[in-house]
PDB file of all heavy atoms in Angstrom:
ATOM      1  N   ALA A   1       0.823  -1.207   0.000  1.00  0.00           N
ATOM      2  CA  ALA A   1       0.000   0.000   0.000  1.00  0.00           C
ATOM      3  C   ALA A   1       0.859   1.261   0.000  1.00  0.00           C
ATOM      4  O   ALA A   1       1.812   1.381   0.775  1.00  0.00           O
ATOM      5  CB  ALA A   1      -0.924   0.000   1.208  1.00  0.00           C
ATOM      6  N   SER A   2       0.524   2.197  -0.889  1.00  0.00           N
ATOM      7  CA  SER A   2       1.162   3.509  -0.873  1.00  0.00           C
ATOM      8  C   SER A   2       0.591   4.301   0.295  1.00  0.00           C
ATOM      9  O   SER A   2      -0.332   3.848   0.982  1.00  0.00           O
ATOM     10  CB  SER A   2       0.885   4.238  -2.187  1.00  0.00           C
ATOM     11  OG  SER A   2      -0.514   4.518  -2.286  1.00  0.00           O
ATOM     12  N   VAL A   3       1.108   5.505   0.514  1.00  0.00           N
ATOM     13  CA  VAL A   3       0.579   6.327   1.607  1.00  0.00           C
ATOM     14  C   VAL A   3      -0.899   6.656   1.390  1.00  0.00           C
ATOM     15  O   VAL A   3      -1.725   6.415   2.278  1.00  0.00           O
ATOM     16  CB  VAL A   3       1.419   7.602   1.808  1.00  0.00           C
ATOM     17  CG1 VAL A   3       0.711   8.573   2.754  1.00  0.00           C
ATOM     18  CG2 VAL A   3       2.792   7.234   2.357  1.00  0.00           C
ATOM     19  N   PRO A   4      -1.296   7.201   0.222  1.00  0.00           N
ATOM     20  CA  PRO A   4      -2.733   7.438   0.045  1.00  0.00           C
ATOM     21  C   PRO A   4      -3.531   6.142   0.088  1.00  0.00           C
ATOM     22  O   PRO A   4      -4.668   6.117   0.569  1.00  0.00           O
ATOM     23  CB  PRO A   4      -2.833   8.122  -1.322  1.00  0.00           C
ATOM     24  CG  PRO A   4      -1.538   7.863  -1.997  1.00  0.00           C
ATOM     25  CD  PRO A   4      -0.520   7.729  -0.920  1.00  0.00           C
ATOM     26  N   GLY A   5      -2.933   5.035  -0.374  1.00  0.00           N
ATOM     27  CA  GLY A   5      -3.621   3.754  -0.346  1.00  0.00           C
ATOM     28  C   GLY A   5      -3.913   3.290   1.067  1.00  0.00           C
ATOM     29  O   GLY A   5      -4.998   2.755   1.347  1.00  0.00           O
ATOM     30  N   ARG A   6      -2.975   3.499   1.983  1.00  0.00           N
ATOM     31  CA  ARG A   6      -3.205   3.047   3.354  1.00  0.00           C
ATOM     32  C   ARG A   6      -4.281   3.893   4.040  1.00  0.00           C
ATOM     33  O   ARG A   6      -5.076   3.371   4.832  1.00  0.00           O
ATOM     34  CB  ARG A   6      -1.903   3.049   4.158  1.00  0.00           C
ATOM     35  CG  ARG A   6      -1.302   4.384   4.438  1.00  0.00           C
ATOM     36  CD  ARG A   6       0.028   4.256   5.174  1.00  0.00           C
ATOM     37  NE  ARG A   6      -0.154   3.876   6.565  1.00  0.00           N
ATOM     38  CZ  ARG A   6       0.702   3.141   7.251  1.00  0.00           C
ATOM     39  NH1 ARG A   6       1.799   2.682   6.671  1.00  0.00           N
ATOM     40  NH2 ARG A   6       0.488   2.859   8.528  1.00  0.00           N
ATOM     41  N   PHE A   7      -4.328   5.202   3.703  1.00  0.00           N
ATOM     42  CA  PHE A   7      -5.372   6.043   4.287  1.00  0.00           C
ATOM     43  C   PHE A   7      -6.740   5.699   3.697  1.00  0.00           C
ATOM     44  O   PHE A   7      -7.754   5.692   4.405  1.00  0.00           O
ATOM     45  CB  PHE A   7      -5.051   7.522   4.081  1.00  0.00           C
ATOM     46  CG  PHE A   7      -4.046   8.057   5.066  1.00  0.00           C
ATOM     47  CD1 PHE A   7      -2.715   8.220   4.715  1.00  0.00           C
ATOM     48  CD2 PHE A   7      -4.429   8.389   6.352  1.00  0.00           C
ATOM     49  CE1 PHE A   7      -1.783   8.708   5.618  1.00  0.00           C
ATOM     50  CE2 PHE A   7      -3.510   8.879   7.276  1.00  0.00           C
ATOM     51  CZ  PHE A   7      -2.176   9.037   6.908  1.00  0.00           C
ATOM     52  N   ARG A   8      -6.771   5.404   2.402  1.00  0.00           N
ATOM     53  CA  ARG A   8      -8.040   5.013   1.780  1.00  0.00           C
ATOM     54  C   ARG A   8      -8.556   3.708   2.413  1.00  0.00           C
ATOM     55  O   ARG A   8      -9.738   3.598   2.759  1.00  0.00           O
ATOM     56  CB  ARG A   8      -7.870   4.824   0.273  1.00  0.00           C
ATOM     57  CG  ARG A   8      -9.208   4.651  -0.469  1.00  0.00           C
ATOM     58  CD  ARG A   8      -8.998   4.252  -1.911  1.00  0.00           C
ATOM     59  NE  ARG A   8      -7.985   5.041  -2.572  1.00  0.00           N
ATOM     60  CZ  ARG A   8      -8.205   6.236  -3.120  1.00  0.00           C
ATOM     61  NH1 ARG A   8      -9.414   6.766  -3.074  1.00  0.00           N
ATOM     62  NH2 ARG A   8      -7.218   6.886  -3.704  1.00  0.00           N
ATOM     63  N   SER A   9      -7.669   2.741   2.564  1.00  0.00           N
ATOM     64  CA  SER A   9      -8.073   1.464   3.153  1.00  0.00           C
ATOM     65  C   SER A   9      -8.569   1.641   4.582  1.00  0.00           C
ATOM     66  O   SER A   9      -9.560   1.021   4.992  1.00  0.00           O
ATOM     67  CB  SER A   9      -6.893   0.483   3.134  1.00  0.00           C
ATOM     68  OG  SER A   9      -6.531   0.155   1.809  1.00  0.00           O
ATOM     69  N   ALA A  10      -7.887   2.500   5.337  1.00  0.00           N
ATOM     70  CA  ALA A  10      -8.300   2.740   6.720  1.00  0.00           C
ATOM     71  C   ALA A  10      -9.702   3.327   6.774  1.00  0.00           C
ATOM     72  O   ALA A  10     -10.522   2.958   7.634  1.00  0.00           O
ATOM     73  CB  ALA A  10      -7.311   3.671   7.407  1.00  0.00           C
ATOM     74  N   ALA A  11     -10.002   4.234   5.844  1.00  0.00           N
ATOM     75  CA  ALA A  11     -11.334   4.851   5.818  1.00  0.00           C
ATOM     76  C   ALA A  11     -12.395   3.843   5.402  1.00  0.00           C
ATOM     77  O   ALA A  11     -13.477   3.772   5.998  1.00  0.00           O
ATOM     78  CB  ALA A  11     -11.333   6.044   4.873  1.00  0.00           C
ATOM     79  N   LEU A  12     -12.087   3.041   4.382  1.00  0.00           N
ATOM     80  CA  LEU A  12     -13.063   2.059   3.907  1.00  0.00           C
ATOM     81  C   LEU A  12     -13.376   1.017   4.974  1.00  0.00           C
ATOM     82  O   LEU A  12     -14.506   0.520   5.065  1.00  0.00           O
ATOM     83  CB  LEU A  12     -12.550   1.390   2.638  1.00  0.00           C
ATOM     84  CG  LEU A  12     -12.493   2.284   1.384  1.00  0.00           C
ATOM     85  CD1 LEU A  12     -11.817   1.554   0.234  1.00  0.00           C
ATOM     86  CD2 LEU A  12     -13.895   2.743   0.983  1.00  0.00           C
ATOM     87  N   ARG A  13     -12.366   0.681   5.788  1.00  0.00           N
ATOM     88  CA  ARG A  13     -12.615  -0.288   6.860  1.00  0.00           C
ATOM     89  C   ARG A  13     -13.610   0.230   7.887  1.00  0.00           C
ATOM     90  O   ARG A  13     -14.244  -0.551   8.600  1.00  0.00           O
ATOM     91  CB  ARG A  13     -11.297  -0.653   7.546  1.00  0.00           C
ATOM     92  CG  ARG A  13     -10.402  -1.579   6.730  1.00  0.00           C
ATOM     93  CD  ARG A  13      -9.325  -2.209   7.590  1.00  0.00           C
ATOM     94  NE  ARG A  13      -8.434  -1.210   8.166  1.00  0.00           N
ATOM     95  CZ  ARG A  13      -7.328  -0.762   7.596  1.00  0.00           C
ATOM     96  NH1 ARG A  13      -6.975  -1.240   6.390  1.00  0.00           N
ATOM     97  NH2 ARG A  13      -6.562   0.131   8.184  1.00  0.00           N
ATOM     98  N   LYS A  14     -13.727   1.553   7.955  1.00  0.00           N
ATOM     99  CA  LYS A  14     -14.688   2.154   8.880  1.00  0.00           C
ATOM    100  C   LYS A  14     -16.084   2.249   8.279  1.00  0.00           C
ATOM    101  O   LYS A  14     -17.020   2.742   8.911  1.00  0.00           O
ATOM    102  CB  LYS A  14     -14.203   3.544   9.299  1.00  0.00           C
ATOM    103  CG  LYS A  14     -12.903   3.527  10.104  1.00  0.00           C
ATOM    104  CD  LYS A  14     -12.493   4.937  10.499  1.00  0.00           C
ATOM    105  CE  LYS A  14     -11.181   4.933  11.275  1.00  0.00           C
ATOM    106  NZ  LYS A  14     -11.298   4.239  12.572  1.00  0.00           N
ATOM    107  N   GLY A  15     -16.219   1.810   7.018  1.00  0.00           N
ATOM    108  CA  GLY A  15     -17.525   1.769   6.393  1.00  0.00           C
ATOM    109  C   GLY A  15     -17.979   3.047   5.735  1.00  0.00           C
ATOM    110  O   GLY A  15     -19.164   3.201   5.423  1.00  0.00           O
ATOM    111  N   VAL A  16     -17.068   3.988   5.469  1.00  0.00           N
ATOM    112  CA  VAL A  16     -17.453   5.244   4.823  1.00  0.00           C
ATOM    113  C   VAL A  16     -17.613   5.032   3.321  1.00  0.00           C
ATOM    114  O   VAL A  16     -17.204   4.003   2.774  1.00  0.00           O
ATOM    115  CB  VAL A  16     -16.423   6.361   5.096  1.00  0.00           C
ATOM    116  CG1 VAL A  16     -16.204   6.532   6.583  1.00  0.00           C
ATOM    117  CG2 VAL A  16     -15.096   6.063   4.390  1.00  0.00           C
ATOM    118  N   THR A  17     -18.172   6.012   2.640  1.00  0.00           N
ATOM    119  CA  THR A  17     -18.357   5.916   1.196  1.00  0.00           C
ATOM    120  C   THR A  17     -17.017   6.041   0.479  1.00  0.00           C
ATOM    121  O   THR A  17     -16.030   6.537   1.036  1.00  0.00           O
ATOM    122  CB  THR A  17     -19.283   7.027   0.696  1.00  0.00           C
ATOM    123  OG1 THR A  17     -18.654   8.300   0.920  1.00  0.00           O
ATOM    124  CG2 THR A  17     -20.631   6.986   1.403  1.00  0.00           C
ATOM    125  N   ALA A  18     -16.987   5.600  -0.777  1.00  0.00           N
ATOM    126  CA  ALA A  18     -15.760   5.696  -1.574  1.00  0.00           C
ATOM    127  C   ALA A  18     -15.323   7.149  -1.722  1.00  0.00           C
ATOM    128  O   ALA A  18     -14.122   7.452  -1.725  1.00  0.00           O
ATOM    129  CB  ALA A  18     -15.989   5.065  -2.942  1.00  0.00           C
ATOM    130  N   SER A  19     -16.284   8.068  -1.858  1.00  0.00           N
ATOM    131  CA  SER A  19     -15.964   9.483  -2.009  1.00  0.00           C
ATOM    132  C   SER A  19     -15.274  10.031  -0.762  1.00  0.00           C
ATOM    133  O   SER A  19     -14.263  10.751  -0.854  1.00  0.00           O
ATOM    134  CB  SER A  19     -17.240  10.280  -2.300  1.00  0.00           C
ATOM    135  OG  SER A  19     -16.962  11.663  -2.359  1.00  0.00           O
ATOM    136  N   ARG A  20     -15.803   9.695   0.407  1.00  0.00           N
ATOM    137  CA  ARG A  20     -15.193  10.176   1.646  1.00  0.00           C
ATOM    138  C   ARG A  20     -13.823   9.530   1.870  1.00  0.00           C
ATOM    139  O   ARG A  20     -12.895  10.166   2.372  1.00  0.00           O
ATOM    140  CB  ARG A  20     -16.113   9.888   2.832  1.00  0.00           C
ATOM    141  CG  ARG A  20     -17.372  10.763   2.862  1.00  0.00           C
ATOM    142  CD  ARG A  20     -18.212  10.469   4.093  1.00  0.00           C
ATOM    143  NE  ARG A  20     -19.409  11.293   4.117  1.00  0.00           N
ATOM    144  CZ  ARG A  20     -19.464  12.521   4.607  1.00  0.00           C
ATOM    145  NH1 ARG A  20     -18.371  13.081   5.104  1.00  0.00           N
ATOM    146  NH2 ARG A  20     -20.593  13.208   4.593  1.00  0.00           N
ATOM    147  N   ALA A  21     -13.705   8.277   1.480  1.00  0.00           N
ATOM    148  CA  ALA A  21     -12.412   7.604   1.596  1.00  0.00           C
ATOM    149  C   ALA A  21     -11.373   8.252   0.687  1.00  0.00           C
ATOM    150  O   ALA A  21     -10.196   8.376   1.046  1.00  0.00           O
ATOM    151  CB  ALA A  21     -12.562   6.121   1.251  1.00  0.00           C
ATOM    152  N   ALA A  22     -11.811   8.692  -0.498  1.00  0.00           N
ATOM    153  CA  ALA A  22     -10.901   9.369  -1.426  1.00  0.00           C
ATOM    154  C   ALA A  22     -10.403  10.682  -0.829  1.00  0.00           C
ATOM    155  O   ALA A  22      -9.227  11.045  -0.983  1.00  0.00           O
ATOM    156  CB  ALA A  22     -11.600   9.619  -2.757  1.00  0.00           C
ATOM    157  N   THR A  23     -11.294  11.408  -0.166  1.00  0.00           N
ATOM    158  CA  THR A  23     -10.899  12.664   0.480  1.00  0.00           C
ATOM    159  C   THR A  23      -9.881  12.405   1.577  1.00  0.00           C
ATOM    160  O   THR A  23      -8.887  13.138   1.717  1.00  0.00           O
ATOM    161  CB  THR A  23     -12.130  13.375   1.072  1.00  0.00           C
ATOM    162  OG1 THR A  23     -13.042  13.671   0.020  1.00  0.00           O
ATOM    163  CG2 THR A  23     -11.728  14.666   1.771  1.00  0.00           C
ATOM    164  N   TYR A  24     -10.092  11.348   2.354  1.00  0.00           N
ATOM    165  CA  TYR A  24      -9.164  11.002   3.436  1.00  0.00           C
ATOM    166  C   TYR A  24      -7.807  10.579   2.860  1.00  0.00           C
ATOM    167  O   TYR A  24      -6.756  10.938   3.397  1.00  0.00           O
ATOM    168  CB  TYR A  24      -9.767   9.873   4.270  1.00  0.00           C
ATOM    169  CG  TYR A  24      -9.036   9.587   5.551  1.00  0.00           C
ATOM    170  CD1 TYR A  24      -8.848  10.577   6.510  1.00  0.00           C
ATOM    171  CD2 TYR A  24      -8.545   8.304   5.827  1.00  0.00           C
ATOM    172  CE1 TYR A  24      -8.190  10.310   7.702  1.00  0.00           C
ATOM    173  CE2 TYR A  24      -7.883   8.025   7.019  1.00  0.00           C
ATOM    174  CZ  TYR A  24      -7.709   9.032   7.950  1.00  0.00           C
ATOM    175  OH  TYR A  24      -7.054   8.771   9.128  1.00  0.00           O
ATOM    176  N   ALA A  25      -7.830   9.834   1.755  1.00  0.00           N
ATOM    177  CA  ALA A  25      -6.588   9.422   1.108  1.00  0.00           C
ATOM    178  C   ALA A  25      -5.811  10.639   0.597  1.00  0.00           C
ATOM    179  O   ALA A  25      -4.590  10.710   0.730  1.00  0.00           O
ATOM    180  CB  ALA A  25      -6.890   8.470  -0.046  1.00  0.00           C
ATOM    181  N   LEU A  26      -6.540  11.587   0.009  1.00  0.00           N
ATOM    182  CA  LEU A  26      -5.912  12.812  -0.483  1.00  0.00           C
ATOM    183  C   LEU A  26      -5.269  13.580   0.660  1.00  0.00           C
ATOM    184  O   LEU A  26      -4.103  14.004   0.576  1.00  0.00           O
ATOM    185  CB  LEU A  26      -6.955  13.676  -1.187  1.00  0.00           C
ATOM    186  CG  LEU A  26      -6.504  15.065  -1.650  1.00  0.00           C
ATOM    187  CD1 LEU A  26      -5.426  14.945  -2.716  1.00  0.00           C
ATOM    188  CD2 LEU A  26      -7.700  15.853  -2.194  1.00  0.00           C
ATOM    189  N   ALA A  27      -6.027  13.765   1.742  1.00  0.00           N
ATOM    190  CA  ALA A  27      -5.502  14.516   2.886  1.00  0.00           C
ATOM    191  C   ALA A  27      -4.295  13.819   3.501  1.00  0.00           C
ATOM    192  O   ALA A  27      -3.262  14.453   3.767  1.00  0.00           O
ATOM    193  CB  ALA A  27      -6.609  14.682   3.936  1.00  0.00           C
ATOM    194  N   GLY A  28      -4.406  12.514   3.709  1.00  0.00           N
ATOM    195  CA  GLY A  28      -3.298  11.784   4.315  1.00  0.00           C
ATOM    196  C   GLY A  28      -2.049  11.817   3.463  1.00  0.00           C
ATOM    197  O   GLY A  28      -0.931  11.969   3.973  1.00  0.00           O
ATOM    198  N   GLY A  29      -2.210  11.690   2.140  1.00  0.00           N
ATOM    199  CA  GLY A  29      -1.059  11.714   1.249  1.00  0.00           C
ATOM    200  C   GLY A  29      -0.384  13.068   1.191  1.00  0.00           C
ATOM    201  O   GLY A  29       0.841  13.174   1.291  1.00  0.00           O
ATOM    202  N   VAL A  30      -1.192  14.120   1.026  1.00  0.00           N
ATOM    203  CA  VAL A  30      -0.621  15.470   0.951  1.00  0.00           C
ATOM    204  C   VAL A  30       0.101  15.820   2.241  1.00  0.00           C
ATOM    205  O   VAL A  30       1.237  16.331   2.238  1.00  0.00           O
ATOM    206  CB  VAL A  30      -1.723  16.509   0.645  1.00  0.00           C
ATOM    207  CG1 VAL A  30      -1.177  17.929   0.818  1.00  0.00           C
ATOM    208  CG2 VAL A  30      -2.246  16.314  -0.770  1.00  0.00           C
ATOM    209  N   LEU A  31      -0.531  15.545   3.371  1.00  0.00           N
ATOM    210  CA  LEU A  31       0.059  15.918   4.653  1.00  0.00           C
ATOM    211  C   LEU A  31       1.305  15.105   4.972  1.00  0.00           C
ATOM    212  O   LEU A  31       2.292  15.644   5.487  1.00  0.00           O
ATOM    213  CB  LEU A  31      -0.984  15.747   5.768  1.00  0.00           C
ATOM    214  CG  LEU A  31      -2.186  16.704   5.667  1.00  0.00           C
ATOM    215  CD1 LEU A  31      -3.267  16.312   6.666  1.00  0.00           C
ATOM    216  CD2 LEU A  31      -1.747  18.146   5.890  1.00  0.00           C
ATOM    217  N   THR A  32       1.298  13.837   4.633  1.00  0.00           N
ATOM    218  CA  THR A  32       2.488  13.021   4.864  1.00  0.00           C
ATOM    219  C   THR A  32       3.651  13.500   4.003  1.00  0.00           C
ATOM    220  O   THR A  32       4.794  13.599   4.470  1.00  0.00           O
ATOM    221  CB  THR A  32       2.190  11.537   4.561  1.00  0.00           C
ATOM    222  OG1 THR A  32       1.129  11.084   5.409  1.00  0.00           O
ATOM    223  CG2 THR A  32       3.414  10.674   4.799  1.00  0.00           C
ATOM    224  N   GLY A  33       3.372  13.806   2.737  1.00  0.00           N
ATOM    225  CA  GLY A  33       4.422  14.333   1.866  1.00  0.00           C
ATOM    226  C   GLY A  33       4.954  15.662   2.367  1.00  0.00           C
ATOM    227  O   GLY A  33       6.166  15.924   2.331  1.00  0.00           O
ATOM    228  N   ASP A  34       4.060  16.519   2.865  1.00  0.00           N
ATOM    229  CA  ASP A  34       4.496  17.813   3.408  1.00  0.00           C
ATOM    230  C   ASP A  34       5.405  17.631   4.614  1.00  0.00           C
ATOM    231  O   ASP A  34       6.386  18.373   4.792  1.00  0.00           O
ATOM    232  CB  ASP A  34       3.279  18.659   3.797  1.00  0.00           C
ATOM    233  CG  ASP A  34       2.522  19.196   2.595  1.00  0.00           C
ATOM    234  OD1 ASP A  34       3.038  19.073   1.465  1.00  0.00           O
ATOM    235  OD2 ASP A  34       1.418  19.738   2.794  1.00  0.00           O
ATOM    236  N   LEU A  35       5.088  16.658   5.449  1.00  0.00           N
ATOM    237  CA  LEU A  35       5.929  16.402   6.620  1.00  0.00           C
ATOM    238  C   LEU A  35       7.319  15.917   6.196  1.00  0.00           C
ATOM    239  O   LEU A  35       8.326  16.285   6.808  1.00  0.00           O
ATOM    240  CB  LEU A  35       5.263  15.367   7.528  1.00  0.00           C
ATOM    241  CG  LEU A  35       4.062  15.870   8.329  1.00  0.00           C
ATOM    242  CD1 LEU A  35       3.326  14.706   8.979  1.00  0.00           C
ATOM    243  CD2 LEU A  35       4.515  16.878   9.400  1.00  0.00           C
ATOM    244  N   ALA A  36       7.372  15.102   5.149  1.00  0.00           N
ATOM    245  CA  ALA A  36       8.672  14.658   4.648  1.00  0.00           C
ATOM    246  C   ALA A  36       9.491  15.844   4.144  1.00  0.00           C
ATOM    247  O   ALA A  36      10.706  15.921   4.365  1.00  0.00           O
ATOM    248  CB  ALA A  36       8.485  13.622   3.535  1.00  0.00           C
ATOM    249  N   LEU A  37       8.825  16.778   3.470  1.00  0.00           N
ATOM    250  CA  LEU A  37       9.517  17.989   3.025  1.00  0.00           C
ATOM    251  C   LEU A  37      10.049  18.784   4.213  1.00  0.00           C
ATOM    252  O   LEU A  37      11.188  19.281   4.195  1.00  0.00           O
ATOM    253  CB  LEU A  37       8.570  18.871   2.208  1.00  0.00           C
ATOM    254  CG  LEU A  37       8.345  18.511   0.746  1.00  0.00           C
ATOM    255  CD1 LEU A  37       7.293  19.438   0.140  1.00  0.00           C
ATOM    256  CD2 LEU A  37       9.651  18.610  -0.043  1.00  0.00           C
ATOM    257  N   SER A  38       9.228  18.911   5.247  1.00  0.00           N
ATOM    258  CA  SER A  38       9.650  19.649   6.441  1.00  0.00           C
ATOM    259  C   SER A  38      10.883  19.016   7.065  1.00  0.00           C
ATOM    260  O   SER A  38      11.833  19.713   7.451  1.00  0.00           O
ATOM    261  CB  SER A  38       8.513  19.693   7.473  1.00  0.00           C
ATOM    262  OG  SER A  38       7.410  20.418   6.989  1.00  0.00           O
ATOM    263  N   ALA A  39      10.883  17.687   7.147  1.00  0.00           N
ATOM    264  CA  ALA A  39      12.026  16.991   7.720  1.00  0.00           C
ATOM    265  C   ALA A  39      13.276  17.174   6.865  1.00  0.00           C
ATOM    266  O   ALA A  39      14.385  17.340   7.389  1.00  0.00           O
ATOM    267  CB  ALA A  39      11.706  15.505   7.875  1.00  0.00           C
ATOM    268  N   ALA A  40      13.097  17.176   5.548  1.00  0.00           N
ATOM    269  CA  ALA A  40      14.235  17.353   4.644  1.00  0.00           C
ATOM    270  C   ALA A  40      14.881  18.722   4.836  1.00  0.00           C
ATOM    271  O   ALA A  40      16.110  18.837   4.974  1.00  0.00           O
ATOM    272  CB  ALA A  40      13.784  17.176   3.196  1.00  0.00           C
TER     273      ALA A  40
END
């Protein structure tokens, strides 16, 4: 699983809609990438 993939899977396991899971995947991916930039 990629970073957005793991966030999408986590949301789907909670029973949310595919659309809401996509939003969570987007947020998790963007924020994780931003944190990596900050650390760099």
